[in-house]
């Protein structure tokens, strides 16, 4: 699962790609030549250390659109959240820590 940030004039466009891939979750720029600024991520979640963003699971569900209402998608997403919790990747508020992929990665 990838959260893709597209730099556009005004507010950045954020979309979820590979929404059915629950084995990984990261944030990346739409254009690999461009980075992602903290300002672009402010609508997505809370920046942590410059390389991660804490994202509310409901934000990811919203990005998934109609898929989020599918029972099998919801089960896979919940399993992903449980895995993140076991690994220590959830904040006390239940936000998922999501890594930002830099253009060089």
N, C-alpha and C. Protein backbone atom coordinates (compact mmCIF):
# COMPACT_ATOMS: atom_id res chain seq x y z
N UNK A 1 0.85 -1.15 0.00
CA UNK A 1 0.00 0.00 0.00
C UNK A 1 0.90 1.23 0.00
N UNK A 2 0.57 2.16 -0.88
CA UNK A 2 1.37 3.37 -1.01
C UNK A 2 0.49 4.60 -0.93
N UNK A 3 0.90 5.56 -0.12
CA UNK A 3 0.25 6.85 -0.10
C UNK A 3 1.11 7.75 -0.97
N UNK A 4 0.53 8.23 -2.07
CA UNK A 4 1.28 9.00 -3.06
C UNK A 4 0.88 10.47 -2.97
N UNK A 5 1.91 11.33 -2.87
CA UNK A 5 1.71 12.78 -2.78
C UNK A 5 2.14 13.40 -4.10
N UNK A 6 1.19 14.06 -4.74
CA UNK A 6 1.45 14.71 -6.02
C UNK A 6 1.52 16.20 -5.80
N UNK A 7 2.67 16.79 -6.12
CA UNK A 7 2.84 18.24 -5.95
C UNK A 7 2.05 18.95 -7.04
N UNK A 8 1.12 19.73 -6.60
CA UNK A 8 0.33 20.54 -7.53
C UNK A 8 0.21 21.93 -6.92
N UNK A 9 -0.07 22.93 -7.74
CA UNK A 9 -0.29 24.25 -7.17
C UNK A 9 -1.46 24.19 -6.18
N UNK A 10 -1.31 24.88 -5.07
CA UNK A 10 -2.35 24.83 -4.03
C UNK A 10 -2.15 23.61 -3.16
N UNK A 11 -3.23 23.00 -2.77
CA UNK A 11 -3.16 21.83 -1.88
C UNK A 11 -2.61 20.61 -2.64
N UNK A 12 -1.76 19.82 -1.98
CA UNK A 12 -1.23 18.63 -2.66
C UNK A 12 -2.33 17.60 -2.86
N UNK A 13 -2.21 16.81 -3.90
CA UNK A 13 -3.14 15.72 -4.16
C UNK A 13 -2.56 14.47 -3.51
N UNK A 14 -3.35 13.82 -2.69
CA UNK A 14 -2.90 12.62 -1.99
C UNK A 14 -3.83 11.47 -2.38
N UNK A 15 -3.25 10.35 -2.77
CA UNK A 15 -4.06 9.20 -3.17
C UNK A 15 -3.45 7.92 -2.62
N UNK A 16 -4.26 6.89 -2.55
CA UNK A 16 -3.81 5.59 -2.09
C UNK A 16 -3.70 4.67 -3.29
N UNK A 17 -2.53 4.07 -3.47
CA UNK A 17 -2.31 3.11 -4.55
C UNK A 17 -1.98 1.75 -3.95
N UNK A 18 -2.27 0.71 -4.71
CA UNK A 18 -2.06 -0.66 -4.25
C UNK A 18 -2.76 -0.87 -2.91
N UNK A 19 -4.02 -0.42 -2.84
CA UNK A 19 -4.79 -0.44 -1.60
C UNK A 19 -5.02 -1.85 -1.05
N UNK A 20 -4.90 -2.86 -1.87
CA UNK A 20 -5.09 -4.23 -1.41
C UNK A 20 -3.81 -4.91 -0.97
N UNK A 21 -2.68 -4.19 -1.00
CA UNK A 21 -1.39 -4.74 -0.60
C UNK A 21 -1.15 -4.37 0.86
N UNK A 22 -1.46 -5.30 1.77
CA UNK A 22 -1.38 -5.01 3.19
C UNK A 22 -0.02 -5.35 3.81
N UNK A 23 0.92 -5.83 3.02
CA UNK A 23 2.22 -6.21 3.54
C UNK A 23 3.19 -5.06 3.72
N UNK A 24 2.84 -3.89 3.21
CA UNK A 24 3.71 -2.73 3.37
C UNK A 24 2.87 -1.47 3.29
N UNK A 25 3.39 -0.41 3.86
CA UNK A 25 2.72 0.89 3.83
C UNK A 25 3.79 1.96 3.89
N UNK A 26 3.80 2.84 2.90
CA UNK A 26 4.74 3.96 2.93
C UNK A 26 4.16 5.14 2.16
N UNK A 27 4.83 6.28 2.30
CA UNK A 27 4.46 7.51 1.60
C UNK A 27 5.56 7.79 0.60
N UNK A 28 5.17 8.19 -0.61
CA UNK A 28 6.17 8.51 -1.63
C UNK A 28 5.67 9.65 -2.51
N UNK A 29 6.60 10.36 -3.14
CA UNK A 29 6.18 11.42 -4.07
C UNK A 29 5.72 10.80 -5.39
N UNK A 30 4.76 11.44 -6.04
CA UNK A 30 4.30 10.98 -7.35
C UNK A 30 5.43 11.08 -8.37
N UNK A 31 6.22 12.14 -8.26
CA UNK A 31 7.37 12.34 -9.14
C UNK A 31 8.64 12.03 -8.34
N UNK A 32 9.34 10.96 -8.68
CA UNK A 32 10.54 10.58 -7.92
C UNK A 32 11.63 11.66 -7.89
N UNK A 33 11.56 12.62 -8.80
CA UNK A 33 12.54 13.70 -8.83
C UNK A 33 12.27 14.77 -7.78
N UNK A 34 11.08 14.75 -7.20
CA UNK A 34 10.70 15.77 -6.23
C UNK A 34 10.53 15.14 -4.85
N UNK A 35 10.85 15.89 -3.84
CA UNK A 35 10.65 15.44 -2.48
C UNK A 35 9.25 15.78 -2.00
N UNK A 36 9.02 15.52 -0.73
CA UNK A 36 7.75 15.84 -0.10
C UNK A 36 8.04 16.76 1.08
N UNK A 37 7.35 17.86 1.15
CA UNK A 37 7.58 18.80 2.26
C UNK A 37 6.62 18.52 3.41
N UNK A 38 6.99 19.01 4.57
CA UNK A 38 6.14 18.87 5.76
C UNK A 38 4.78 19.52 5.52
N UNK A 39 4.77 20.62 4.81
CA UNK A 39 3.51 21.32 4.51
C UNK A 39 2.57 20.42 3.70
N UNK A 40 3.13 19.68 2.74
CA UNK A 40 2.31 18.79 1.92
C UNK A 40 1.71 17.65 2.75
N UNK A 41 2.38 17.28 3.82
CA UNK A 41 1.93 16.16 4.64
C UNK A 41 1.01 16.58 5.78
N UNK A 42 0.84 17.87 5.99
CA UNK A 42 0.06 18.34 7.14
C UNK A 42 -1.39 17.85 7.10
N UNK A 43 -1.97 17.70 5.92
CA UNK A 43 -3.35 17.23 5.85
C UNK A 43 -3.44 15.71 6.03
N UNK A 44 -2.32 15.04 5.92
CA UNK A 44 -2.30 13.58 6.04
C UNK A 44 -2.12 13.12 7.47
N UNK A 45 -1.26 13.81 8.20
CA UNK A 45 -1.00 13.39 9.58
C UNK A 45 0.05 14.26 10.24
N UNK A 46 0.64 13.69 11.26
CA UNK A 46 1.61 14.42 12.11
C UNK A 46 3.02 13.93 11.79
N UNK A 47 3.86 14.86 11.32
CA UNK A 47 5.24 14.53 10.97
C UNK A 47 6.02 14.12 12.21
N UNK A 48 6.86 13.10 12.07
CA UNK A 48 7.66 12.61 13.18
C UNK A 48 9.09 12.39 12.72
N UNK A 49 9.97 13.27 13.13
CA UNK A 49 11.39 13.10 12.84
C UNK A 49 11.79 13.30 11.39
N UNK A 50 10.94 13.81 10.55
CA UNK A 50 11.30 14.09 9.17
C UNK A 50 11.25 12.90 8.24
N UNK A 51 11.15 11.69 8.77
CA UNK A 51 11.16 10.49 7.91
C UNK A 51 9.89 9.65 8.08
N UNK A 52 9.02 10.07 8.99
CA UNK A 52 7.79 9.33 9.27
C UNK A 52 6.64 10.29 9.49
N UNK A 53 5.43 9.80 9.25
CA UNK A 53 4.22 10.56 9.53
C UNK A 53 3.29 9.64 10.30
N UNK A 54 2.72 10.14 11.39
CA UNK A 54 1.69 9.38 12.10
C UNK A 54 0.36 9.70 11.44
N UNK A 55 -0.28 8.66 10.89
CA UNK A 55 -1.51 8.81 10.12
C UNK A 55 -2.64 8.08 10.83
N UNK A 56 -3.76 8.76 11.01
CA UNK A 56 -4.94 8.15 11.60
C UNK A 56 -5.46 7.07 10.63
N UNK A 57 -5.77 5.88 11.12
CA UNK A 57 -6.30 4.83 10.24
C UNK A 57 -7.54 5.27 9.46
N UNK A 58 -8.36 6.15 10.04
CA UNK A 58 -9.54 6.63 9.32
C UNK A 58 -9.17 7.46 8.10
N UNK A 59 -8.04 8.12 8.14
CA UNK A 59 -7.55 8.86 6.97
C UNK A 59 -7.23 7.90 5.84
N UNK A 60 -6.61 6.78 6.17
CA UNK A 60 -6.28 5.78 5.15
C UNK A 60 -7.57 5.15 4.60
N UNK A 61 -8.51 4.88 5.49
CA UNK A 61 -9.81 4.35 5.03
C UNK A 61 -10.47 5.32 4.06
N UNK A 62 -10.42 6.61 4.37
CA UNK A 62 -11.01 7.62 3.48
C UNK A 62 -10.31 7.62 2.13
N UNK A 63 -8.99 7.49 2.14
CA UNK A 63 -8.25 7.44 0.87
C UNK A 63 -8.60 6.19 0.06
N UNK A 64 -8.97 5.11 0.75
CA UNK A 64 -9.33 3.85 0.07
C UNK A 64 -10.68 3.96 -0.62
N UNK A 65 -11.48 4.93 -0.23
CA UNK A 65 -12.77 5.14 -0.88
C UNK A 65 -13.72 3.97 -0.65
N UNK A 66 -14.39 3.56 -1.73
CA UNK A 66 -15.41 2.50 -1.66
C UNK A 66 -14.83 1.17 -1.18
N UNK A 67 -13.55 0.94 -1.43
CA UNK A 67 -12.94 -0.32 -0.99
C UNK A 67 -13.03 -0.51 0.51
N UNK A 68 -13.00 0.59 1.26
CA UNK A 68 -13.00 0.51 2.71
C UNK A 68 -14.28 -0.12 3.25
N UNK A 69 -15.35 -0.11 2.47
CA UNK A 69 -16.61 -0.72 2.92
C UNK A 69 -16.67 -2.21 2.61
N UNK A 70 -15.70 -2.73 1.89
CA UNK A 70 -15.63 -4.16 1.57
C UNK A 70 -15.12 -4.93 2.79
N UNK A 71 -15.84 -5.98 3.19
CA UNK A 71 -15.49 -6.75 4.38
C UNK A 71 -14.08 -7.35 4.31
N UNK A 72 -13.70 -7.87 3.15
CA UNK A 72 -12.37 -8.49 3.05
C UNK A 72 -11.27 -7.44 3.11
N UNK A 73 -11.51 -6.26 2.53
CA UNK A 73 -10.53 -5.18 2.62
C UNK A 73 -10.38 -4.74 4.07
N UNK A 74 -11.52 -4.55 4.74
CA UNK A 74 -11.50 -4.12 6.14
C UNK A 74 -10.75 -5.12 7.02
N UNK A 75 -10.97 -6.42 6.78
CA UNK A 75 -10.28 -7.45 7.56
C UNK A 75 -8.76 -7.38 7.32
N UNK A 76 -8.35 -7.20 6.07
CA UNK A 76 -6.93 -7.08 5.76
C UNK A 76 -6.32 -5.84 6.38
N UNK A 77 -7.05 -4.75 6.35
CA UNK A 77 -6.55 -3.49 6.93
C UNK A 77 -6.42 -3.61 8.44
N UNK A 78 -7.42 -4.20 9.09
CA UNK A 78 -7.36 -4.39 10.55
C UNK A 78 -6.18 -5.29 10.93
N UNK A 79 -5.93 -6.33 10.13
CA UNK A 79 -4.78 -7.20 10.39
C UNK A 79 -3.48 -6.42 10.26
N UNK A 80 -3.42 -5.49 9.30
CA UNK A 80 -2.23 -4.66 9.12
C UNK A 80 -2.03 -3.76 10.33
N UNK A 81 -3.11 -3.18 10.85
CA UNK A 81 -3.02 -2.33 12.03
C UNK A 81 -2.56 -3.14 13.24
N UNK A 82 -3.09 -4.34 13.41
CA UNK A 82 -2.68 -5.20 14.52
C UNK A 82 -1.19 -5.54 14.42
N UNK A 83 -0.72 -5.81 13.21
CA UNK A 83 0.71 -6.08 13.00
C UNK A 83 1.53 -4.85 13.38
N UNK A 84 1.09 -3.68 12.94
CA UNK A 84 1.80 -2.43 13.28
C UNK A 84 1.85 -2.23 14.79
N UNK A 85 0.77 -2.58 15.47
CA UNK A 85 0.75 -2.43 16.93
C UNK A 85 1.76 -3.36 17.59
N UNK A 86 1.83 -4.61 17.12
CA UNK A 86 2.80 -5.56 17.68
C UNK A 86 4.24 -5.11 17.45
N UNK A 87 4.48 -4.41 16.36
CA UNK A 87 5.82 -3.93 16.03
C UNK A 87 6.16 -2.60 16.70
N UNK A 88 5.20 -2.00 17.39
CA UNK A 88 5.44 -0.71 18.04
C UNK A 88 5.30 0.48 17.11
N UNK A 89 4.54 0.31 16.03
CA UNK A 89 4.39 1.36 15.02
C UNK A 89 3.10 2.16 15.17
N UNK A 90 2.44 2.04 16.32
CA UNK A 90 1.25 2.85 16.58
C UNK A 90 1.55 3.84 17.68
N UNK A 91 1.01 5.03 17.54
CA UNK A 91 1.13 6.04 18.60
C UNK A 91 0.13 5.69 19.70
N UNK A 92 0.25 6.31 20.88
CA UNK A 92 -0.74 6.08 21.93
C UNK A 92 -2.17 6.43 21.47
N UNK A 93 -2.30 7.32 20.51
CA UNK A 93 -3.61 7.71 19.98
C UNK A 93 -4.12 6.75 18.90
N UNK A 94 -3.31 5.73 18.55
CA UNK A 94 -3.73 4.76 17.54
C UNK A 94 -3.36 5.11 16.11
N UNK A 95 -2.54 6.15 15.93
CA UNK A 95 -2.09 6.52 14.59
C UNK A 95 -0.99 5.56 14.15
N UNK A 96 -0.94 5.28 12.86
CA UNK A 96 0.07 4.38 12.29
C UNK A 96 1.28 5.21 11.86
N UNK A 97 2.47 4.77 12.28
CA UNK A 97 3.70 5.43 11.83
C UNK A 97 4.02 4.93 10.42
N UNK A 98 4.04 5.87 9.47
CA UNK A 98 4.24 5.53 8.06
C UNK A 98 5.55 6.19 7.60
N UNK A 99 6.42 5.39 7.01
CA UNK A 99 7.73 5.86 6.54
C UNK A 99 7.58 6.63 5.23
N UNK A 100 8.35 7.70 5.11
CA UNK A 100 8.39 8.50 3.88
C UNK A 100 9.57 7.98 3.04
N UNK A 101 9.27 7.57 1.83
CA UNK A 101 10.31 7.13 0.90
C UNK A 101 10.88 8.35 0.21
N UNK A 102 12.17 8.57 0.36
CA UNK A 102 12.83 9.69 -0.31
C UNK A 102 13.09 9.34 -1.78
N UNK A 103 13.32 10.36 -2.57
CA UNK A 103 13.57 10.16 -4.00
C UNK A 103 14.74 9.24 -4.25
N UNK A 104 15.70 9.18 -3.34
CA UNK A 104 16.90 8.36 -3.55
C UNK A 104 16.71 6.90 -3.09
N UNK A 105 15.60 6.57 -2.44
CA UNK A 105 15.40 5.21 -1.92
C UNK A 105 14.80 4.30 -2.96
